[in-house]
N, C-alpha and C. Protein backbone atom coordinates (compact mmCIF):
# COMPACT_ATOMS: atom_id res chain seq x y z
N MET A 1 0.57 -1.45 0.18
CA MET A 1 -0.18 -0.40 0.30
C MET A 1 0.87 1.43 -0.15
N ILE A 2 0.13 2.46 -0.63
CA ILE A 2 0.96 3.84 -0.61
C ILE A 2 0.90 4.12 0.57
N ASP A 3 1.99 5.01 1.00
CA ASP A 3 2.35 5.42 2.48
C ASP A 3 1.20 6.39 2.96
N ASP A 4 0.91 7.30 4.03
CA ASP A 4 -0.27 8.40 3.72
C ASP A 4 -0.36 9.44 3.35
N ASN A 5 1.17 9.84 3.40
CA ASN A 5 1.58 11.33 2.82
C ASN A 5 1.19 11.14 0.94
N ILE A 6 1.21 10.32 0.34
CA ILE A 6 0.87 10.20 -0.76
C ILE A 6 -0.84 9.58 -0.89
N GLN A 7 -1.36 9.03 0.21
CA GLN A 7 -2.40 9.15 0.48
C GLN A 7 -3.62 10.26 0.28
N ALA A 8 -3.27 11.06 1.20
CA ALA A 8 -3.46 12.14 1.34
C ALA A 8 -3.41 13.24 -0.09
N ASN A 9 -2.84 13.27 -0.15
CA ASN A 9 -2.59 13.72 -1.98
C ASN A 9 -3.87 13.48 -2.77
N LEU A 10 -3.93 12.02 -2.61
CA LEU A 10 -4.73 11.13 -3.70
C LEU A 10 -6.35 12.04 -3.13
N ARG A 11 -6.48 11.67 -1.80
CA ARG A 11 -7.56 12.04 -1.40
C ARG A 11 -8.39 13.40 -1.95
N LYS A 12 -6.95 14.72 -1.79
CA LYS A 12 -7.37 15.83 -1.89
C LYS A 12 -7.45 15.87 -3.85
N ILE A 13 -7.35 15.38 -4.27
CA ILE A 13 -7.26 15.02 -6.01
C ILE A 13 -9.10 14.36 -6.08
N PHE A 14 -9.26 13.26 -5.20
CA PHE A 14 -11.01 12.76 -5.27
C PHE A 14 -11.71 13.84 -4.60
N ASP A 15 -11.35 14.43 -3.82
CA ASP A 15 -12.62 15.46 -3.48
C ASP A 15 -12.45 16.63 -4.19
N ASP A 16 -11.42 17.15 -4.39
CA ASP A 16 -11.69 18.19 -5.49
C ASP A 16 -12.73 17.82 -6.44
N HIS A 17 -12.61 16.40 -7.27
CA HIS A 17 -13.63 15.91 -8.18
C HIS A 17 -14.92 15.40 -7.62
N HIS A 18 -15.30 15.71 -6.06
CA HIS A 18 -16.47 15.32 -5.63
C HIS A 18 -16.82 13.77 -6.14
N LEU A 19 -15.63 12.72 -5.98
CA LEU A 19 -15.95 11.54 -5.84
C LEU A 19 -16.70 11.09 -4.55
N GLY A 20 -16.94 11.43 -3.85
CA GLY A 20 -17.80 11.09 -2.65
C GLY A 20 -16.81 9.85 -1.76
N VAL A 21 -17.33 8.64 -1.52
CA VAL A 21 -17.12 7.45 -1.44
C VAL A 21 -16.47 6.77 -1.87
N TYR A 22 -14.71 6.76 -0.65
CA TYR A 22 -13.91 5.77 -1.61
C TYR A 22 -13.09 4.87 -0.71
N ARG A 23 -12.29 4.19 -0.83
CA ARG A 23 -11.83 3.63 -0.13
C ARG A 23 -10.65 2.81 -0.78
N PHE A 24 -9.40 3.32 0.01
CA PHE A 24 -7.92 2.74 -0.24
C PHE A 24 -7.68 1.44 0.16
N MET A 25 -7.37 0.39 -1.10
CA MET A 25 -7.34 -1.15 -0.34
C MET A 25 -5.78 -1.91 -1.15
N SER A 26 -5.19 -2.87 -0.50
CA SER A 26 -3.84 -3.71 -1.27
C SER A 26 -4.88 -4.08 -2.38
N THR A 27 -4.05 -4.38 -3.72
CA THR A 27 -4.50 -4.66 -4.91
C THR A 27 -4.79 -6.54 -4.63
N ASP A 28 -3.80 -7.33 -3.27
CA ASP A 28 -4.14 -8.06 -2.78
C ASP A 28 -5.51 -8.77 -2.66
N SER A 29 -6.09 -8.51 -2.06
CA SER A 29 -7.88 -7.83 -2.31
C SER A 29 -9.07 -7.87 -3.10
N ILE A 30 -8.15 -7.72 -4.51
CA ILE A 30 -9.33 -7.82 -5.77
C ILE A 30 -9.45 -8.87 -6.16
N VAL A 31 -10.43 -9.74 -5.83
CA VAL A 31 -10.70 -11.30 -6.17
C VAL A 31 -11.15 -11.23 -7.66
N PHE A 32 -10.23 -12.61 -8.35
CA PHE A 32 -10.65 -13.08 -9.95
C PHE A 32 -11.48 -13.88 -9.79
N GLY A 33 -12.07 -14.44 -11.09
CA GLY A 33 -12.83 -15.47 -10.85
C GLY A 33 -13.21 -16.03 -12.50
N GLN A 34 -12.79 -16.86 -12.90
CA GLN A 34 -12.97 -17.23 -14.39
C GLN A 34 -14.73 -17.52 -14.45
N TRP A 35 -15.27 -17.75 -13.75
CA TRP A 35 -16.76 -17.33 -13.69
C TRP A 35 -17.60 -15.94 -13.93
N VAL A 36 -16.99 -15.23 -13.79
CA VAL A 36 -16.66 -13.70 -13.99
C VAL A 36 -17.18 -13.38 -15.74
N ARG A 37 -16.07 -14.25 -16.17
CA ARG A 37 -15.87 -14.30 -17.55
C ARG A 37 -16.82 -14.57 -18.10
N MET A 38 -17.35 -16.14 -17.73
CA MET A 38 -18.43 -16.79 -18.40
C MET A 38 -19.74 -15.95 -18.02
N LYS A 39 -19.93 -14.98 -16.84
CA LYS A 39 -21.40 -14.50 -17.17
C LYS A 39 -20.94 -13.71 -18.48
N CYS A 40 -20.08 -12.81 -18.67
CA CYS A 40 -19.95 -12.24 -19.63
C CYS A 40 -19.89 -12.72 -21.41
N ILE A 41 -19.61 -13.83 -21.00
CA ILE A 41 -19.98 -14.72 -22.48
C ILE A 41 -21.37 -15.21 -22.63
N TYR A 42 -21.81 -15.35 -21.90
CA TYR A 42 -23.35 -16.33 -21.49
C TYR A 42 -23.99 -15.10 -20.66
N GLY A 43 -25.03 -14.20 -21.06
CA GLY A 43 -25.25 -13.25 -20.39
C GLY A 43 -25.28 -11.58 -20.82
N CYS A 44 -24.08 -11.03 -20.85
CA CYS A 44 -24.41 -9.99 -20.30
C CYS A 44 -24.28 -9.71 -22.01
N PRO A 45 -25.27 -8.43 -21.99
CA PRO A 45 -25.72 -7.80 -23.53
C PRO A 45 -24.42 -7.23 -24.18
N SER A 46 -23.73 -7.17 -23.61
CA SER A 46 -22.07 -6.43 -24.05
C SER A 46 -21.40 -6.86 -25.10
N TYR A 47 -21.74 -8.23 -24.79
CA TYR A 47 -20.33 -9.14 -25.28
C TYR A 47 -19.97 -9.02 -26.28
N GLY A 48 -19.18 -8.76 -26.82
CA GLY A 48 -18.78 -8.87 -28.35
C GLY A 48 -19.20 -7.14 -28.95
N LYS A 49 -20.13 -6.34 -28.19
CA LYS A 49 -20.42 -5.48 -28.66
C LYS A 49 -20.13 -4.16 -27.93
N CYS A 50 -18.93 -4.44 -27.70
CA CYS A 50 -17.75 -3.24 -27.19
C CYS A 50 -16.09 -3.30 -26.82
N VAL A 51 -15.93 -1.94 -27.12
CA VAL A 51 -14.07 -2.46 -27.46
C VAL A 51 -13.61 -3.19 -26.15
N VAL A 52 -14.80 -1.98 -25.05
CA VAL A 52 -13.16 -2.49 -23.63
C VAL A 52 -14.26 -4.10 -23.42
N CYS A 53 -15.35 -4.72 -23.76
CA CYS A 53 -15.60 -5.63 -23.29
C CYS A 53 -14.88 -7.07 -24.10
N PRO A 54 -15.20 -8.37 -22.88
CA PRO A 54 -15.02 -9.51 -23.56
C PRO A 54 -15.58 -10.04 -25.24
N PRO A 55 -15.25 -10.21 -25.90
CA PRO A 55 -13.71 -11.13 -26.24
C PRO A 55 -12.70 -9.90 -26.08
N ASN A 56 -12.61 -8.73 -26.70
CA ASN A 56 -11.65 -7.54 -26.87
C ASN A 56 -10.79 -7.18 -25.63
N THR A 57 -10.77 -8.19 -24.59
CA THR A 57 -9.54 -8.11 -22.88
C THR A 57 -9.08 -9.01 -23.34
N PRO A 58 -7.88 -9.35 -22.51
CA PRO A 58 -7.08 -10.20 -22.00
C PRO A 58 -7.87 -11.25 -21.71
N PRO A 59 -7.08 -12.88 -21.26
CA PRO A 59 -8.25 -14.05 -20.11
C PRO A 59 -7.88 -13.25 -19.18
N VAL A 60 -8.57 -14.01 -18.21
CA VAL A 60 -8.45 -13.31 -16.91
C VAL A 60 -7.05 -13.76 -16.09
N SER A 61 -6.72 -14.62 -16.63
CA SER A 61 -5.04 -15.33 -15.92
C SER A 61 -4.08 -13.93 -16.49
N GLU A 62 -4.20 -13.22 -17.56
CA GLU A 62 -3.40 -12.31 -17.79
C GLU A 62 -3.90 -11.08 -17.22
N CYS A 63 -5.08 -10.81 -16.77
CA CYS A 63 -5.75 -9.37 -16.44
C CYS A 63 -5.04 -9.43 -14.64
N ARG A 64 -5.25 -10.89 -14.01
CA ARG A 64 -4.82 -11.19 -12.58
C ARG A 64 -3.58 -10.47 -12.80
N THR A 65 -2.48 -10.80 -13.26
CA THR A 65 -1.32 -10.51 -13.73
C THR A 65 -0.95 -8.72 -13.84
N PHE A 66 -1.62 -8.51 -14.84
CA PHE A 66 -1.85 -7.04 -14.67
C PHE A 66 -2.08 -6.49 -13.32
N VAL A 67 -3.09 -6.37 -12.71
CA VAL A 67 -3.11 -6.11 -11.31
C VAL A 67 -2.11 -6.11 -10.14
N THR A 68 -1.25 -7.31 -10.59
CA THR A 68 -0.49 -7.30 -9.43
C THR A 68 0.97 -6.66 -9.54
N GLU A 69 0.78 -5.91 -10.84
CA GLU A 69 1.61 -4.80 -11.20
C GLU A 69 1.69 -3.83 -10.36
N TYR A 70 0.28 -3.23 -10.05
CA TYR A 70 -0.32 -2.57 -8.58
C TYR A 70 -0.10 -3.08 -7.05
N ASP A 71 0.40 -2.23 -6.41
CA ASP A 71 0.30 -2.52 -4.80
C ASP A 71 -0.99 -1.92 -4.35
N THR A 72 -1.37 -0.66 -4.70
CA THR A 72 -2.50 -0.19 -3.81
C THR A 72 -4.16 0.17 -5.51
N ALA A 73 -5.59 -0.33 -4.59
CA ALA A 73 -6.37 0.21 -5.36
C ALA A 73 -7.40 1.11 -4.66
N VAL A 74 -7.95 1.91 -5.48
CA VAL A 74 -9.04 2.36 -4.50
C VAL A 74 -10.20 2.15 -5.46
N LEU A 75 -11.36 2.02 -4.08
CA LEU A 75 -12.57 1.52 -4.73
C LEU A 75 -13.43 2.30 -4.43
N PHE A 76 -14.15 3.17 -5.52
CA PHE A 76 -15.38 4.39 -5.94
C PHE A 76 -16.41 3.84 -5.76
N HIS A 77 -17.42 4.43 -4.65
CA HIS A 77 -18.44 3.61 -4.64
C HIS A 77 -19.01 4.53 -4.75
N PHE A 78 -20.76 4.32 -5.82
CA PHE A 78 -21.33 5.20 -6.26
C PHE A 78 -22.83 4.72 -6.08
N SER A 79 -23.96 5.02 -5.88
CA SER A 79 -25.27 4.82 -5.06
C SER A 79 -26.21 6.05 -5.80
N ARG A 80 -27.28 4.97 -6.15
CA ARG A 80 -28.25 5.68 -7.07
C ARG A 80 -29.69 5.07 -7.35
N ALA A 81 -31.00 5.74 -6.64
CA ALA A 81 -31.91 5.41 -7.14
C ALA A 81 -32.73 5.64 -8.64
N LEU A 82 -33.23 4.93 -9.79
CA LEU A 82 -33.46 5.80 -10.75
C LEU A 82 -34.73 4.88 -10.95
N THR A 83 -35.66 6.11 -11.60
CA THR A 83 -37.26 5.64 -12.03
C THR A 83 -37.25 4.59 -12.93
N ASP A 84 -36.13 4.95 -14.12
CA ASP A 84 -36.62 4.45 -15.16
C ASP A 84 -34.95 3.82 -15.53
N PRO A 85 -34.53 2.21 -15.74
CA PRO A 85 -33.86 1.21 -16.06
C PRO A 85 -32.85 2.06 -16.91
N GLU A 86 -33.22 3.17 -18.16
CA GLU A 86 -32.55 3.75 -19.35
C GLU A 86 -31.69 4.88 -18.44
N GLU A 87 -32.14 5.18 -17.56
CA GLU A 87 -31.82 6.41 -17.02
C GLU A 87 -30.10 6.05 -16.17
N ARG A 88 -30.08 4.89 -16.25
CA ARG A 88 -28.53 4.13 -15.87
C ARG A 88 -27.39 4.60 -16.57
N HIS A 89 -27.56 4.30 -17.71
CA HIS A 89 -26.26 4.65 -18.94
C HIS A 89 -26.16 5.97 -18.86
N GLU A 90 -26.97 7.02 -18.93
CA GLU A 90 -26.56 8.52 -18.66
C GLU A 90 -26.40 9.15 -17.43
N TRP A 91 -26.30 8.21 -16.58
CA TRP A 91 -25.57 8.23 -14.88
C TRP A 91 -24.11 7.76 -15.27
N THR A 92 -24.29 6.48 -15.32
CA THR A 92 -23.04 6.15 -15.58
C THR A 92 -21.69 6.65 -16.37
N ARG A 93 -22.65 6.87 -17.50
CA ARG A 93 -21.41 7.56 -18.48
C ARG A 93 -21.13 8.83 -18.27
N GLY A 94 -21.92 9.51 -16.84
CA GLY A 94 -21.10 10.92 -16.19
C GLY A 94 -20.15 10.16 -15.26
N ILE A 95 -20.45 8.53 -14.75
CA ILE A 95 -19.33 8.65 -13.77
C ILE A 95 -17.93 8.66 -14.53
N ASN A 96 -18.22 7.69 -15.27
CA ASN A 96 -17.09 7.09 -16.33
C ASN A 96 -16.20 8.62 -16.88
N LYS A 97 -16.88 9.51 -17.17
CA LYS A 97 -16.25 10.84 -17.80
C LYS A 97 -15.35 11.34 -17.16
N ALA A 98 -15.96 11.22 -15.20
CA ALA A 98 -15.28 12.28 -14.33
C ALA A 98 -14.59 10.75 -13.61
N LEU A 99 -14.53 9.98 -13.95
CA LEU A 99 -13.44 8.95 -14.11
C LEU A 99 -12.14 9.54 -14.58
N ILE A 100 -12.61 9.08 -15.83
CA ILE A 100 -11.40 9.49 -16.48
C ILE A 100 -10.07 11.00 -16.35
N THR A 101 -10.90 12.31 -15.62
CA THR A 101 -10.44 13.06 -15.54
C THR A 101 -9.60 12.61 -14.00
N VAL A 102 -10.43 11.92 -13.72
CA VAL A 102 -9.34 11.33 -12.01
C VAL A 102 -8.01 11.03 -12.59
N GLU A 103 -8.54 9.82 -13.02
CA GLU A 103 -7.21 9.58 -13.57
C GLU A 103 -5.69 9.82 -14.11
N ARG A 104 -6.30 10.60 -15.38
CA ARG A 104 -5.66 12.16 -15.50
C ARG A 104 -4.99 12.73 -14.15
N ALA A 105 -5.68 13.39 -13.66
CA ALA A 105 -5.11 14.48 -12.51
C ALA A 105 -4.09 13.45 -11.74
N VAL A 106 -4.81 12.16 -11.29
CA VAL A 106 -3.88 11.18 -10.95
C VAL A 106 -2.16 10.89 -10.79
N PHE A 107 -2.25 10.75 -12.63
CA PHE A 107 -1.44 10.74 -13.26
C PHE A 107 -0.25 11.47 -13.27
N LEU A 108 -0.73 13.01 -13.38
CA LEU A 108 0.01 14.82 -13.64
C LEU A 108 0.15 14.60 -12.09
N ALA A 109 -0.37 14.03 -11.34
CA ALA A 109 0.38 13.96 -9.35
C ALA A 109 1.82 13.40 -9.00
N GLY A 110 2.20 12.45 -10.64
CA GLY A 110 3.55 11.56 -10.66
C GLY A 110 3.11 9.81 -10.27
N HIS A 111 1.66 9.84 -10.76
CA HIS A 111 1.55 8.25 -10.60
C HIS A 111 1.31 7.63 -12.09
N TYR A 112 2.26 7.70 -12.49
CA TYR A 112 2.07 7.44 -14.24
C TYR A 112 1.51 5.76 -14.91
N LYS A 113 1.59 5.20 -13.53
CA LYS A 113 0.91 3.90 -13.77
C LYS A 113 -0.70 3.59 -13.69
N ALA A 114 -1.39 5.43 -12.92
CA ALA A 114 -2.50 4.54 -12.98
C ALA A 114 -3.69 3.68 -14.18
N PHE A 115 -4.30 3.74 -13.85
CA PHE A 115 -5.49 3.33 -14.80
C PHE A 115 -6.41 3.10 -13.75
N VAL A 116 -7.55 3.55 -14.53
CA VAL A 116 -9.05 3.25 -13.73
C VAL A 116 -9.73 1.65 -14.82
N LEU A 117 -11.06 1.66 -14.16
CA LEU A 117 -11.65 0.35 -14.18
C LEU A 117 -12.98 1.24 -13.92
N PHE A 118 -14.03 1.43 -14.98
CA PHE A 118 -15.29 2.23 -15.04
C PHE A 118 -16.75 1.05 -14.35
N VAL A 119 -17.64 2.03 -14.22
CA VAL A 119 -18.68 1.36 -13.17
C VAL A 119 -19.47 0.79 -14.63
N ASP A 120 -18.98 0.57 -15.39
CA ASP A 120 -20.06 0.17 -16.47
C ASP A 120 -19.11 -0.07 -17.50
N PRO A 121 -19.70 -0.96 -18.71
CA PRO A 121 -18.92 -1.12 -19.69
C PRO A 121 -18.87 0.58 -20.17
N CYS A 122 -18.00 0.89 -20.86
CA CYS A 122 -17.29 2.07 -21.49
C CYS A 122 -18.45 2.93 -21.56
N ASN A 123 -19.26 2.77 -22.71
CA ASN A 123 -20.39 3.45 -22.82
C ASN A 123 -20.12 5.06 -23.64
N ALA A 124 -18.97 5.32 -23.44
CA ALA A 124 -18.33 6.80 -24.07
C ALA A 124 -19.49 7.57 -25.10
N CYS A 125 -20.16 6.16 -25.85
CA CYS A 125 -20.54 6.59 -27.74
C CYS A 125 -22.09 6.25 -27.27
N LYS A 126 -22.65 6.14 -27.97
CA LYS A 126 -24.01 5.72 -28.37
C LYS A 126 -24.19 4.26 -29.25
N GLU A 127 -23.25 4.75 -30.00
CA GLU A 127 -22.83 3.80 -30.89
C GLU A 127 -21.33 3.00 -30.49
N CYS A 128 -21.24 1.56 -30.26
CA CYS A 128 -19.80 1.43 -30.16
C CYS A 128 -19.30 0.59 -31.59
N ALA A 129 -18.25 1.59 -31.53
CA ALA A 129 -17.51 0.81 -33.17
C ALA A 129 -16.67 -0.57 -33.11
N VAL A 130 -17.36 -1.32 -31.69
CA VAL A 130 -16.88 -2.81 -31.64
C VAL A 130 -15.11 -2.96 -31.94
N ASP A 131 -14.88 -2.67 -32.69
CA ASP A 131 -13.39 -2.69 -33.50
C ASP A 131 -12.55 -2.56 -32.32
N PRO A 132 -11.54 -2.80 -32.05
CA PRO A 132 -10.80 -1.58 -30.91
C PRO A 132 -9.90 -0.39 -32.01
N ALA A 133 -9.51 -1.08 -32.95
CA ALA A 133 -8.97 -0.21 -34.13
C ALA A 133 -9.79 0.55 -34.50
N ALA A 134 -10.93 0.72 -34.52
CA ALA A 134 -11.43 1.88 -34.76
C ALA A 134 -12.40 2.72 -33.88
N CYS A 135 -12.01 2.32 -32.60
CA CYS A 135 -12.40 3.27 -31.35
C CYS A 135 -12.91 4.44 -31.94
N ASN A 136 -13.92 5.42 -31.45
CA ASN A 136 -13.99 6.84 -31.54
C ASN A 136 -13.12 7.53 -30.13
N HIS A 137 -12.72 7.04 -28.88
CA HIS A 137 -12.28 7.51 -27.96
C HIS A 137 -11.50 6.36 -27.53
N PRO A 138 -10.78 6.42 -27.73
CA PRO A 138 -9.25 5.29 -27.27
C PRO A 138 -8.72 5.70 -26.17
N LEU A 139 -8.25 7.26 -26.13
CA LEU A 139 -7.88 7.80 -24.82
C LEU A 139 -8.86 7.68 -23.44
N ARG A 140 -10.38 7.66 -23.77
CA ARG A 140 -11.55 7.51 -22.99
C ARG A 140 -12.27 6.39 -22.45
N SER A 141 -11.69 5.49 -23.32
CA SER A 141 -12.03 3.82 -22.91
C SER A 141 -11.31 3.27 -22.25
N ARG A 142 -12.44 2.34 -21.11
CA ARG A 142 -11.57 1.65 -19.91
C ARG A 142 -12.96 0.87 -20.20
N PRO A 143 -12.25 -0.32 -19.48
CA PRO A 143 -12.86 -1.61 -19.33
C PRO A 143 -13.40 -1.32 -17.90
N SER A 144 -14.54 -2.15 -17.93
CA SER A 144 -15.09 -2.66 -16.12
C SER A 144 -14.60 -3.50 -15.65
N PRO A 145 -14.10 -3.60 -14.41
CA PRO A 145 -13.84 -4.37 -13.62
C PRO A 145 -14.46 -5.75 -13.97
N GLU A 146 -15.59 -6.01 -14.27
CA GLU A 146 -16.10 -7.21 -14.26
C GLU A 146 -15.47 -8.08 -15.87
N GLY A 147 -15.31 -7.07 -16.30
CA GLY A 147 -14.29 -6.89 -18.11
C GLY A 147 -13.09 -7.67 -17.83
N LEU A 148 -12.28 -7.24 -17.08
CA LEU A 148 -11.27 -8.44 -16.40
C LEU A 148 -11.18 -9.19 -15.40
N GLY A 149 -12.52 -9.57 -15.72
CA GLY A 149 -13.03 -10.83 -14.26
C GLY A 149 -13.16 -10.57 -13.31
N ILE A 150 -13.04 -9.47 -12.56
CA ILE A 150 -12.58 -9.50 -11.26
C ILE A 150 -14.15 -9.50 -10.88
N ASP A 151 -14.34 -10.47 -9.92
CA ASP A 151 -15.38 -10.81 -9.24
C ASP A 151 -16.04 -9.66 -8.15
N VAL A 152 -16.57 -8.74 -8.63
CA VAL A 152 -16.72 -7.22 -8.24
C VAL A 152 -17.62 -7.41 -6.47
N PHE A 153 -18.36 -8.52 -6.43
CA PHE A 153 -19.15 -8.44 -5.15
C PHE A 153 -18.15 -9.21 -4.02
N ALA A 154 -17.45 -9.65 -4.77
CA ALA A 154 -16.36 -10.04 -3.50
C ALA A 154 -15.41 -9.33 -3.06
N THR A 155 -15.00 -8.52 -4.18
CA THR A 155 -14.26 -7.45 -3.85
C THR A 155 -14.56 -6.75 -2.61
N VAL A 156 -15.96 -5.68 -3.19
CA VAL A 156 -17.00 -4.97 -2.72
C VAL A 156 -16.80 -5.61 -1.14
N ARG A 157 -17.38 -6.48 -1.04
CA ARG A 157 -17.60 -7.09 0.22
C ARG A 157 -16.29 -7.28 1.15
N GLU A 158 -15.13 -7.51 0.24
CA GLU A 158 -14.06 -7.93 1.37
C GLU A 158 -13.71 -6.11 1.54
N ALA A 159 -14.13 -4.81 1.52
CA ALA A 159 -13.72 -3.94 1.63
C ALA A 159 -14.77 -2.95 2.86
N GLY A 160 -15.84 -4.19 2.55
CA GLY A 160 -16.81 -3.39 3.86
C GLY A 160 -17.72 -2.70 3.45
N LEU A 161 -17.72 -2.45 2.23
CA LEU A 161 -18.80 -1.78 1.45
C LEU A 161 -20.16 -2.48 0.75
N PRO A 162 -21.38 -2.13 0.75
CA PRO A 162 -22.70 -2.48 0.69
C PRO A 162 -22.62 -3.06 -0.61
N ILE A 163 -23.29 -4.12 -0.95
CA ILE A 163 -23.58 -4.57 -2.88
C ILE A 163 -24.58 -5.79 -2.86
N GLU A 164 -25.56 -5.79 -2.98
CA GLU A 164 -26.73 -6.65 -3.43
C GLU A 164 -27.37 -6.78 -4.48
N VAL A 165 -27.47 -7.94 -5.15
CA VAL A 165 -28.53 -8.41 -6.34
C VAL A 165 -29.69 -7.71 -6.03
N LEU A 166 -30.02 -7.05 -7.43
CA LEU A 166 -31.51 -6.23 -7.17
C LEU A 166 -32.25 -6.85 -8.13
N ASP A 167 -33.51 -6.61 -7.34
CA ASP A 167 -34.52 -7.34 -8.67
C ASP A 167 -35.44 -6.32 -9.23
N ASP A 168 -35.09 -5.25 -8.18
CA ASP A 168 -36.32 -3.87 -9.03
C ASP A 168 -35.32 -2.42 -9.24
N TYR A 169 -35.41 -2.46 -10.31
CA TYR A 169 -34.48 -0.81 -10.79
C TYR A 169 -35.07 0.00 -9.96
N GLN A 170 -36.00 0.15 -9.00
CA GLN A 170 -36.16 1.80 -8.26
C GLN A 170 -35.37 1.35 -6.74
N ALA A 171 -34.98 0.59 -6.61
CA ALA A 171 -33.88 0.25 -5.27
C ALA A 171 -32.71 0.78 -5.17
N VAL A 172 -32.46 1.13 -5.06
CA VAL A 172 -31.00 1.97 -4.50
C VAL A 172 -30.11 1.42 -5.12
N MET A 173 -28.72 1.55 -6.60
CA MET A 173 -28.27 0.51 -6.88
C MET A 173 -26.75 1.09 -6.43
N ASN A 174 -25.96 -0.29 -5.93
CA ASN A 174 -24.59 0.46 -5.73
C ASN A 174 -23.63 -0.06 -6.87
N ARG A 175 -22.87 0.84 -7.36
CA ARG A 175 -22.35 0.77 -8.36
C ARG A 175 -20.68 0.68 -7.80
N TYR A 176 -19.71 0.44 -8.70
CA TYR A 176 -17.73 0.30 -8.35
C TYR A 176 -17.16 0.59 -9.43
N ALA A 177 -16.00 1.63 -9.21
CA ALA A 177 -15.34 1.73 -9.75
C ALA A 177 -13.93 1.13 -9.27
N ILE A 178 -12.81 0.79 -9.82
CA ILE A 178 -11.33 0.41 -9.44
C ILE A 178 -10.56 1.75 -9.71
N LEU A 179 -9.45 2.25 -8.88
CA LEU A 179 -8.49 2.96 -9.53
C LEU A 179 -7.38 2.14 -9.27
N LEU A 180 -6.47 1.88 -10.01
CA LEU A 180 -5.20 0.98 -9.84
C LEU A 180 -3.91 2.39 -10.21
N VAL A 181 -3.14 2.35 -8.93
CA VAL A 181 -2.53 3.28 -8.78
C VAL A 181 -1.08 2.64 -8.00
N GLN A 182 0.00 3.27 -7.86
CA GLN A 182 0.68 2.55 -7.67
C GLN A 182 2.09 4.17 -6.73
């Protein structure tokens, strides 16, 4: 884990960008599961339709190795109740845009390896180019934790934050992003 002085500097960046609830954690606490990739393949409507979703992401084993190149993760918590399920896309699009801005601020603060994982599939565009070579926003697109095979439920519970399966779109949704930082 990074030291207290660096955490204080990062907290200032996060607070200046109004990111609300976040927790610093060791990347050792991030839980991976091959089952997560299977859920992407067999059940996710973004599978094969998004530049930063499987099958356009590396195998889970490579994603796990990638995360071990960092010692610290910041888990960002966002919650909201929506009356219309389609509102989620606009809400998370705004969050992802803010996260890219924060990733850049952390990078400019000297953390050259900063890399954020979005709360949702990228959704920077209304229509994804699908082909990574044709991405309209390659500097702003990032995968979600699930796209890398991260078990968000287990990781969030490990951090002591709320997360439940919802069967009602009007219930409060708890969404999470991860910033990897060294």
